[in-house]
Structure formats: C-alpha cells, structure tokens
C-alpha cells in the first residue's frame, strides 16, 4: 500500500511505502519490505540505547548525531574533531 506524503518525506523526494504484515512480508504491488531498514536500525538502536544508559529520551538526537559522526570519522577521530572545531570557530 502506497502512502501519500507520509511523515512529509515526499517533500524531500522520497516515497514512503507500507507493508501490511498480517497479509504479506513483501508488498506484491510495490515490492516494499522492511528488511533493509530493520537491518540498518537494529545495530544502531542497540548501540545508541546501550550508550544512553538510561538517560532522558530527549537526548536521542544528540546520541544519533554522535554515532553518525563517529561512523564517518573512524580513522582518526580526535584529529578530525580538532580540525572540525577549527573550521567552525577560527
């Protein structure tokens, strides 16, 4: 089942498809499924929830940002962080 502008993502050029899991695991018309997003979300959720250690849920965006930043700067996080600070504040 194709949802119209669900969550407003059509504005950004994306289409939000849905799957009725009580009928199918893969939508027969759109071939939409949840395996890909679930495989991306699960390790991230486990990592972020583990790092949050019971802190307030409103801090979730900050934990997600930190996890993203660490993920794209794996090689030398400290020096990359100093470089980024210098770009912003110098």
PDB file of N, CA and C in Angstrom:
ATOM      1  N   UNK A   1       0.841  -1.169   0.000  1.00  0.00           N
ATOM      2  CA  UNK A   1       0.000   0.000   0.000  1.00  0.00           C
ATOM      3  C   UNK A   1       0.892   1.242   0.000  1.00  0.00           C
ATOM      4  N   UNK A   2       0.698   2.108  -0.924  1.00  0.00           N
ATOM      5  CA  UNK A   2       1.497   3.309  -1.055  1.00  0.00           C
ATOM      6  C   UNK A   2       0.841   4.449  -0.290  1.00  0.00           C
ATOM      7  N   UNK A   3       1.571   5.006   0.649  1.00  0.00           N
ATOM      8  CA  UNK A   3       1.034   6.123   1.429  1.00  0.00           C
ATOM      9  C   UNK A   3       1.377   7.426   0.721  1.00  0.00           C
ATOM     10  N   UNK A   4       0.455   8.368   0.758  1.00  0.00           N
ATOM     11  CA  UNK A   4       0.734   9.695   0.196  1.00  0.00           C
ATOM     12  C   UNK A   4       1.827  10.329   1.028  1.00  0.00           C
ATOM     13  N   UNK A   5       2.067  11.464   1.106  1.00  0.00           N
ATOM     14  CA  UNK A   5       3.135  12.171   1.775  1.00  0.00           C
ATOM     15  C   UNK A   5       3.246  11.809   3.262  1.00  0.00           C
ATOM     16  N   UNK A   6       3.534  10.544   3.584  1.00  0.00           N
ATOM     17  CA  UNK A   6       3.598  10.062   4.961  1.00  0.00           C
ATOM     18  C   UNK A   6       4.828  10.647   5.645  1.00  0.00           C
ATOM     19  N   UNK A   7       4.663  11.279   6.767  1.00  0.00           N
ATOM     20  CA  UNK A   7       5.728  11.923   7.524  1.00  0.00           C
ATOM     21  C   UNK A   7       6.396  13.058   6.760  1.00  0.00           C
ATOM     22  N   UNK A   8       5.805  13.506   5.659  1.00  0.00           N
ATOM     23  CA  UNK A   8       6.361  14.644   4.944  1.00  0.00           C
ATOM     24  C   UNK A   8       7.604  14.351   4.131  1.00  0.00           C
ATOM     25  N   UNK A   9       7.948  13.079   3.924  1.00  0.00           N
ATOM     26  CA  UNK A   9       9.191  12.779   3.223  1.00  0.00           C
ATOM     27  C   UNK A   9       9.101  12.965   1.714  1.00  0.00           C
ATOM     28  N   UNK A  10       7.891  13.050   1.169  1.00  0.00           N
ATOM     29  CA  UNK A  10       7.752  13.296  -0.270  1.00  0.00           C
ATOM     30  C   UNK A  10       8.349  14.645  -0.637  1.00  0.00           C
ATOM     31  N   UNK A  11       8.307  15.560   0.286  1.00  0.00           N
ATOM     32  CA  UNK A  11       8.897  16.886   0.085  1.00  0.00           C
ATOM     33  C   UNK A  11      10.394  16.778  -0.225  1.00  0.00           C
ATOM     34  N   UNK A  12      11.044  15.741   0.274  1.00  0.00           N
ATOM     35  CA  UNK A  12      12.476  15.532   0.076  1.00  0.00           C
ATOM     36  C   UNK A  12      12.782  14.556  -1.053  1.00  0.00           C
ATOM     37  N   UNK A  13      11.766  14.192  -1.818  1.00  0.00           N
ATOM     38  CA  UNK A  13      11.974  13.316  -2.964  1.00  0.00           C
ATOM     39  C   UNK A  13      11.888  11.829  -2.663  1.00  0.00           C
ATOM     40  N   UNK A  14      11.384  11.469  -1.506  1.00  0.00           N
ATOM     41  CA  UNK A  14      11.269  10.062  -1.134  1.00  0.00           C
ATOM     42  C   UNK A  14       9.811   9.623  -1.169  1.00  0.00           C
ATOM     43  N   UNK A  15       9.615   8.344  -1.363  1.00  0.00           N
ATOM     44  CA  UNK A  15       8.286   7.757  -1.301  1.00  0.00           C
ATOM     45  C   UNK A  15       8.247   6.827  -0.098  1.00  0.00           C
ATOM     46  N   UNK A  16       7.210   6.945   0.702  1.00  0.00           N
ATOM     47  CA  UNK A  16       7.075   6.068   1.863  1.00  0.00           C
ATOM     48  C   UNK A  16       6.092   4.961   1.507  1.00  0.00           C
ATOM     49  N   UNK A  17       6.595   3.746   1.438  1.00  0.00           N
ATOM     50  CA  UNK A  17       5.748   2.585   1.180  1.00  0.00           C
ATOM     51  C   UNK A  17       5.443   1.900   2.501  1.00  0.00           C
ATOM     52  N   UNK A  18       4.332   1.219   2.557  1.00  0.00           N
ATOM     53  CA  UNK A  18       3.971   0.478   3.760  1.00  0.00           C
ATOM     54  C   UNK A  18       3.716  -0.981   3.393  1.00  0.00           C
ATOM     55  N   UNK A  19       3.816  -1.828   4.398  1.00  0.00           N
ATOM     56  CA  UNK A  19       3.561  -3.255   4.228  1.00  0.00           C
ATOM     57  C   UNK A  19       2.619  -3.693   5.336  1.00  0.00           C
ATOM     58  N   UNK A  20       1.558  -4.384   4.971  1.00  0.00           N
ATOM     59  CA  UNK A  20       0.648  -4.947   5.952  1.00  0.00           C
ATOM     60  C   UNK A  20       1.162  -6.350   6.285  1.00  0.00           C
ATOM     61  N   UNK A  21       1.871  -6.473   7.411  1.00  0.00           N
ATOM     62  CA  UNK A  21       2.495  -7.748   7.753  1.00  0.00           C
ATOM     63  C   UNK A  21       1.488  -8.834   8.120  1.00  0.00           C
ATOM     64  N   UNK A  22       0.237  -8.478   8.322  1.00  0.00           N
ATOM     65  CA  UNK A  22      -0.755  -9.522   8.576  1.00  0.00           C
ATOM     66  C   UNK A  22      -1.130 -10.232   7.270  1.00  0.00           C
ATOM     67  N   UNK A  23      -0.786  -9.614   6.129  1.00  0.00           N
ATOM     68  CA  UNK A  23      -1.070 -10.223   4.831  1.00  0.00           C
ATOM     69  C   UNK A  23       0.193 -10.695   4.115  1.00  0.00           C
ATOM     70  N   UNK A  24       1.221  -9.863   4.083  1.00  0.00           N
ATOM     71  CA  UNK A  24       2.458 -10.174   3.355  1.00  0.00           C
ATOM     72  C   UNK A  24       3.656  -9.595   4.089  1.00  0.00           C
ATOM     73  N   UNK A  25       4.830 -10.151   3.802  1.00  0.00           N
ATOM     74  CA  UNK A  25       6.061  -9.555   4.300  1.00  0.00           C
ATOM     75  C   UNK A  25       6.701  -8.682   3.227  1.00  0.00           C
ATOM     76  N   UNK A  26       6.324  -8.909   1.985  1.00  0.00           N
ATOM     77  CA  UNK A  26       6.737  -8.069   0.866  1.00  0.00           C
ATOM     78  C   UNK A  26       5.476  -7.691   0.113  1.00  0.00           C
ATOM     79  N   UNK A  27       5.258  -6.383  -0.061  1.00  0.00           N
ATOM     80  CA  UNK A  27       4.059  -5.935  -0.759  1.00  0.00           C
ATOM     81  C   UNK A  27       4.104  -6.417  -2.207  1.00  0.00           C
ATOM     82  N   UNK A  28       3.064  -7.130  -2.669  1.00  0.00           N
ATOM     83  CA  UNK A  28       3.090  -7.686  -4.022  1.00  0.00           C
ATOM     84  C   UNK A  28       3.060  -6.616  -5.125  1.00  0.00           C
ATOM     85  N   UNK A  29       2.542  -5.448  -4.845  1.00  0.00           N
ATOM     86  CA  UNK A  29       2.479  -4.399  -5.870  1.00  0.00           C
ATOM     87  C   UNK A  29       3.744  -3.551  -5.932  1.00  0.00           C
ATOM     88  N   UNK A  30       4.209  -3.079  -4.789  1.00  0.00           N
ATOM     89  CA  UNK A  30       5.354  -2.160  -4.776  1.00  0.00           C
ATOM     90  C   UNK A  30       6.675  -2.850  -4.470  1.00  0.00           C
ATOM     91  N   UNK A  31       6.628  -4.101  -4.022  1.00  0.00           N
ATOM     92  CA  UNK A  31       7.802  -4.851  -3.576  1.00  0.00           C
ATOM     93  C   UNK A  31       8.451  -4.224  -2.334  1.00  0.00           C
ATOM     94  N   UNK A  32       7.700  -3.381  -1.651  1.00  0.00           N
ATOM     95  CA  UNK A  32       8.202  -2.763  -0.423  1.00  0.00           C
ATOM     96  C   UNK A  32       8.343  -3.827   0.657  1.00  0.00           C
ATOM     97  N   UNK A  33       9.381  -3.687   1.470  1.00  0.00           N
ATOM     98  CA  UNK A  33       9.602  -4.594   2.598  1.00  0.00           C
ATOM     99  C   UNK A  33      10.354  -3.840   3.686  1.00  0.00           C
ATOM    100  N   UNK A  34      10.476  -4.441   4.839  1.00  0.00           N
ATOM    101  CA  UNK A  34      11.125  -3.765   5.958  1.00  0.00           C
ATOM    102  C   UNK A  34      12.489  -4.353   6.288  1.00  0.00           C
ATOM    103  N   UNK A  35      12.949  -5.347   5.558  1.00  0.00           N
ATOM    104  CA  UNK A  35      14.216  -5.998   5.896  1.00  0.00           C
ATOM    105  C   UNK A  35      15.391  -5.023   5.882  1.00  0.00           C
ATOM    106  N   UNK A  36      15.446  -4.157   4.878  1.00  0.00           N
ATOM    107  CA  UNK A  36      16.588  -3.252   4.752  1.00  0.00           C
ATOM    108  C   UNK A  36      16.635  -2.256   5.907  1.00  0.00           C
ATOM    109  N   UNK A  37      15.522  -1.605   6.177  1.00  0.00           N
ATOM    110  CA  UNK A  37      15.524  -0.604   7.246  1.00  0.00           C
ATOM    111  C   UNK A  37      15.704  -1.263   8.610  1.00  0.00           C
ATOM    112  N   UNK A  38      15.133  -2.441   8.785  1.00  0.00           N
ATOM    113  CA  UNK A  38      15.321  -3.151  10.054  1.00  0.00           C
ATOM    114  C   UNK A  38      16.779  -3.541  10.245  1.00  0.00           C
ATOM    115  N   UNK A  39      17.446  -3.968   9.172  1.00  0.00           N
ATOM    116  CA  UNK A  39      18.854  -4.360   9.289  1.00  0.00           C
ATOM    117  C   UNK A  39      19.739  -3.149   9.571  1.00  0.00           C
ATOM    118  N   UNK A  40      19.328  -1.955   9.148  1.00  0.00           N
ATOM    119  CA  UNK A  40      20.084  -0.735   9.467  1.00  0.00           C
ATOM    120  C   UNK A  40      19.778  -0.252  10.881  1.00  0.00           C
ATOM    121  N   UNK A  41      18.527  -0.307  11.264  1.00  0.00           N
ATOM    122  CA  UNK A  41      18.098   0.263  12.532  1.00  0.00           C
ATOM    123  C   UNK A  41      18.531  -0.564  13.729  1.00  0.00           C
ATOM    124  N   UNK A  42      18.496  -1.892  13.622  1.00  0.00           N
ATOM    125  CA  UNK A  42      18.767  -2.746  14.779  1.00  0.00           C
ATOM    126  C   UNK A  42      20.133  -2.495  15.422  1.00  0.00           C
ATOM    127  N   UNK A  43      21.248  -2.567  14.679  1.00  0.00           N
ATOM    128  CA  UNK A  43      22.539  -2.332  15.350  1.00  0.00           C
ATOM    129  C   UNK A  43      22.677  -0.905  15.872  1.00  0.00           C
ATOM    130  N   UNK A  44      22.118   0.051  15.133  1.00  0.00           N
ATOM    131  CA  UNK A  44      22.176   1.435  15.591  1.00  0.00           C
ATOM    132  C   UNK A  44      21.392   1.593  16.886  1.00  0.00           C
ATOM    133  N   UNK A  45      20.214   1.027  16.919  1.00  0.00           N
ATOM    134  CA  UNK A  45      19.382   1.120  18.119  1.00  0.00           C
ATOM    135  C   UNK A  45      20.084   0.475  19.308  1.00  0.00           C
ATOM    136  N   UNK A  46      20.667  -0.694  19.112  1.00  0.00           N
ATOM    137  CA  UNK A  46      21.354  -1.367  20.203  1.00  0.00           C
ATOM    138  C   UNK A  46      22.549  -0.560  20.694  1.00  0.00           C
ATOM    139  N   UNK A  47      23.294   0.009  19.766  1.00  0.00           N
ATOM    140  CA  UNK A  47      24.466   0.796  20.127  1.00  0.00           C
ATOM    141  C   UNK A  47      24.066   2.079  20.853  1.00  0.00           C
ATOM    142  N   UNK A  48      23.096   2.785  20.326  1.00  0.00           N
ATOM    143  CA  UNK A  48      22.682   4.054  20.926  1.00  0.00           C
ATOM    144  C   UNK A  48      22.022   3.827  22.272  1.00  0.00           C
ATOM    145  N   UNK A  49      21.133   2.869  22.360  1.00  0.00           N
ATOM    146  CA  UNK A  49      20.448   2.597  23.632  1.00  0.00           C
ATOM    147  C   UNK A  49      21.461   2.173  24.689  1.00  0.00           C
ATOM    148  N   UNK A  50      22.444   1.387  24.297  1.00  0.00           N
ATOM    149  CA  UNK A  50      23.482   0.969  25.242  1.00  0.00           C
ATOM    150  C   UNK A  50      24.270   2.182  25.736  1.00  0.00           C
ATOM    151  N   UNK A  51      24.599   3.095  24.833  1.00  0.00           N
ATOM    152  CA  UNK A  51      25.362   4.283  25.221  1.00  0.00           C
ATOM    153  C   UNK A  51      24.533   5.266  26.042  1.00  0.00           C
ATOM    154  N   UNK A  52      23.233   5.291  25.847  1.00  0.00           N
ATOM    155  CA  UNK A  52      22.391   6.237  26.575  1.00  0.00           C
ATOM    156  C   UNK A  52      22.299   5.884  28.059  1.00  0.00           C
ATOM    157  N   UNK A  53      22.449   4.638  28.400  1.00  0.00           N
ATOM    158  CA  UNK A  53      22.498   4.173  29.796  1.00  0.00           C
ATOM    159  C   UNK A  53      21.392   4.761  30.672  1.00  0.00           C
ATOM    160  N   UNK A  54      20.172   4.785  30.172  1.00  0.00           N
ATOM    161  CA  UNK A  54      19.053   5.245  30.976  1.00  0.00           C
ATOM    162  C   UNK A  54      18.885   6.749  31.053  1.00  0.00           C
ATOM    163  N   UNK A  55      19.583   7.507  30.191  1.00  0.00           N
ATOM    164  CA  UNK A  55      19.417   8.962  30.204  1.00  0.00           C
ATOM    165  C   UNK A  55      18.079   9.339  29.582  1.00  0.00           C
ATOM    166  N   UNK A  56      17.787  10.607  29.528  1.00  0.00           N
ATOM    167  CA  UNK A  56      16.497  11.082  29.055  1.00  0.00           C
ATOM    168  C   UNK A  56      16.304  10.841  27.558  1.00  0.00           C
ATOM    169  N   UNK A  57      15.115  10.409  27.135  1.00  0.00           N
ATOM    170  CA  UNK A  57      14.841  10.146  25.720  1.00  0.00           C
ATOM    171  C   UNK A  57      15.017  11.365  24.820  1.00  0.00           C
ATOM    172  N   UNK A  58      14.858  12.574  25.371  1.00  0.00           N
ATOM    173  CA  UNK A  58      15.024  13.750  24.516  1.00  0.00           C
ATOM    174  C   UNK A  58      16.476  13.970  24.098  1.00  0.00           C
ATOM    175  N   UNK A  59      17.403  13.194  24.663  1.00  0.00           N
ATOM    176  CA  UNK A  59      18.804  13.261  24.244  1.00  0.00           C
ATOM    177  C   UNK A  59      19.095  12.362  23.041  1.00  0.00           C
ATOM    178  N   UNK A  60      18.104  11.595  22.598  1.00  0.00           N
ATOM    179  CA  UNK A  60      18.303  10.663  21.486  1.00  0.00           C
ATOM    180  C   UNK A  60      18.886  11.336  20.243  1.00  0.00           C
ATOM    181  N   UNK A  61      18.392  12.498  19.802  1.00  0.00           N
ATOM    182  CA  UNK A  61      19.000  13.118  18.610  1.00  0.00           C
ATOM    183  C   UNK A  61      20.495  13.387  18.769  1.00  0.00           C
ATOM    184  N   UNK A  62      20.921  13.753  19.971  1.00  0.00           N
ATOM    185  CA  UNK A  62      22.351  14.000  20.207  1.00  0.00           C
ATOM    186  C   UNK A  62      23.152  12.706  20.140  1.00  0.00           C
ATOM    187  N   UNK A  63      22.603  11.626  20.694  1.00  0.00           N
ATOM    188  CA  UNK A  63      23.284  10.342  20.607  1.00  0.00           C
ATOM    189  C   UNK A  63      23.347   9.850  19.165  1.00  0.00           C
ATOM    190  N   UNK A  64      22.282  10.050  18.399  1.00  0.00           N
ATOM    191  CA  UNK A  64      22.294   9.664  16.990  1.00  0.00           C
ATOM    192  C   UNK A  64      23.328  10.468  16.206  1.00  0.00           C
ATOM    193  N   UNK A  65      23.420  11.759  16.486  1.00  0.00           N
ATOM    194  CA  UNK A  65      24.410  12.608  15.823  1.00  0.00           C
ATOM    195  C   UNK A  65      25.816  12.158  16.160  1.00  0.00           C
ATOM    196  N   UNK A  66      26.067  11.872  17.420  1.00  0.00           N
ATOM    197  CA  UNK A  66      27.397  11.407  17.820  1.00  0.00           C
ATOM    198  C   UNK A  66      27.739  10.083  17.150  1.00  0.00           C
ATOM    199  N   UNK A  67      26.793   9.163  17.100  1.00  0.00           N
ATOM    200  CA  UNK A  67      27.032   7.867  16.469  1.00  0.00           C
ATOM    201  C   UNK A  67      27.322   8.040  14.983  1.00  0.00           C
ATOM    202  N   UNK A  68      26.573   8.926  14.318  1.00  0.00           N
ATOM    203  CA  UNK A  68      26.805   9.219  12.899  1.00  0.00           C
ATOM    204  C   UNK A  68      28.200   9.812  12.708  1.00  0.00           C
ATOM    205  N   UNK A  69      28.568  10.794  13.530  1.00  0.00           N
ATOM    206  CA  UNK A  69      29.863  11.468  13.408  1.00  0.00           C
ATOM    207  C   UNK A  69      31.010  10.481  13.602  1.00  0.00           C
ATOM    208  N   UNK A  70      30.895   9.639  14.608  1.00  0.00           N
ATOM    209  CA  UNK A  70      31.938   8.637  14.840  1.00  0.00           C
ATOM    210  C   UNK A  70      32.008   7.641  13.680  1.00  0.00           C
ATOM    211  N   UNK A  71      30.853   7.333  13.087  1.00  0.00           N
ATOM    212  CA  UNK A  71      30.819   6.382  11.979  1.00  0.00           C
ATOM    213  C   UNK A  71      31.496   6.882  10.718  1.00  0.00           C
ATOM    214  N   UNK A  72      31.416   8.182  10.453  1.00  0.00           N
ATOM    215  CA  UNK A  72      32.043   8.709   9.235  1.00  0.00           C
ATOM    216  C   UNK A  72      33.479   9.160   9.469  1.00  0.00           C
ATOM    217  N   UNK A  73      33.925   9.177  10.713  1.00  0.00           N
ATOM    218  CA  UNK A  73      35.290   9.594  11.052  1.00  0.00           C
ATOM    219  C   UNK A  73      36.001   8.513  11.857  1.00  0.00           C
ATOM    220  N   UNK A  74      36.055   7.320  11.328  1.00  0.00           N
ATOM    221  CA  UNK A  74      36.590   6.183  12.070  1.00  0.00           C
ATOM    222  C   UNK A  74      38.109   6.224  12.230  1.00  0.00           C
ATOM    223  N   UNK A  75      38.817   6.754  11.252  1.00  0.00           N
ATOM    224  CA  UNK A  75      40.267   6.599  11.228  1.00  0.00           C
ATOM    225  C   UNK A  75      40.974   7.337  12.369  1.00  0.00           C
ATOM    226  N   UNK A  76      40.771   8.620  12.509  1.00  0.00           N
ATOM    227  CA  UNK A  76      41.495   9.412  13.500  1.00  0.00           C
ATOM    228  C   UNK A  76      40.537  10.415  14.112  1.00  0.00           C
ATOM    229  N   UNK A  77      39.649   9.940  14.933  1.00  0.00           N
ATOM    230  CA  UNK A  77      38.545  10.740  15.454  1.00  0.00           C
ATOM    231  C   UNK A  77      39.019  12.009  16.158  1.00  0.00           C
ATOM    232  N   UNK A  78      40.044  11.915  16.976  1.00  0.00           N
ATOM    233  CA  UNK A  78      40.491  13.069  17.745  1.00  0.00           C
ATOM    234  C   UNK A  78      40.973  14.199  16.837  1.00  0.00           C
ATOM    235  N   UNK A  79      41.844  13.886  15.877  1.00  0.00           N
ATOM    236  CA  UNK A  79      42.360  14.924  14.983  1.00  0.00           C
ATOM    237  C   UNK A  79      41.278  15.477  14.065  1.00  0.00           C
ATOM    238  N   UNK A  80      40.362  14.626  13.625  1.00  0.00           N
ATOM    239  CA  UNK A  80      39.248  15.096  12.795  1.00  0.00           C
ATOM    240  C   UNK A  80      38.366  16.038  13.605  1.00  0.00           C
ATOM    241  N   UNK A  81      38.133  15.704  14.854  1.00  0.00           N
ATOM    242  CA  UNK A  81      37.329  16.556  15.729  1.00  0.00           C
ATOM    243  C   UNK A  81      37.997  17.920  15.910  1.00  0.00           C
ATOM    244  N   UNK A  82      39.310  17.942  16.155  1.00  0.00           N
ATOM    245  CA  UNK A  82      40.030  19.210  16.288  1.00  0.00           C
ATOM    246  C   UNK A  82      39.964  20.020  15.000  1.00  0.00           C
ATOM    247  N   UNK A  83      40.094  19.344  13.855  1.00  0.00           N
ATOM    248  CA  UNK A  83      40.000  20.031  12.564  1.00  0.00           C
ATOM    249  C   UNK A  83      38.616  20.659  12.391  1.00  0.00           C
ATOM    250  N   UNK A  84      37.577  19.911  12.721  1.00  0.00           N
ATOM    251  CA  UNK A  84      36.215  20.422  12.580  1.00  0.00           C
ATOM    252  C   UNK A  84      35.947  21.598  13.512  1.00  0.00           C
ATOM    253  N   UNK A  85      36.475  21.540  14.723  1.00  0.00           N
ATOM    254  CA  UNK A  85      36.325  22.658  15.653  1.00  0.00           C
ATOM    255  C   UNK A  85      37.023  23.890  15.086  1.00  0.00           C
ATOM    256  N   UNK A  86      38.228  23.714  14.547  1.00  0.00           N
ATOM    257  CA  UNK A  86      38.966  24.839  13.975  1.00  0.00           C
ATOM    258  C   UNK A  86      38.207  25.460  12.795  1.00  0.00           C
ATOM    259  N   UNK A  87      37.558  24.626  11.981  1.00  0.00           N
ATOM    260  CA  UNK A  87      36.790  25.142  10.846  1.00  0.00           C
ATOM    261  C   UNK A  87      35.595  25.987  11.308  1.00  0.00           C
ATOM    262  N   UNK A  88      34.998  25.607  12.409  1.00  0.00           N
ATOM    263  CA  UNK A  88      33.806  26.310  12.890  1.00  0.00           C
ATOM    264  C   UNK A  88      34.182  27.576  13.650  1.00  0.00           C
ATOM    265  N   UNK A  89      35.216  27.515  14.472  1.00  0.00           N
ATOM    266  CA  UNK A  89      35.496  28.615  15.388  1.00  0.00           C
ATOM    267  C   UNK A  89      36.680  29.497  15.008  1.00  0.00           C
ATOM    268  N   UNK A  90      37.394  29.191  13.955  1.00  0.00           N
ATOM    269  CA  UNK A  90      38.554  30.021  13.558  1.00  0.00           C
ATOM    270  C   UNK A  90      38.242  30.764  12.290  1.00  0.00           C
TER     271      UNK A  90
END
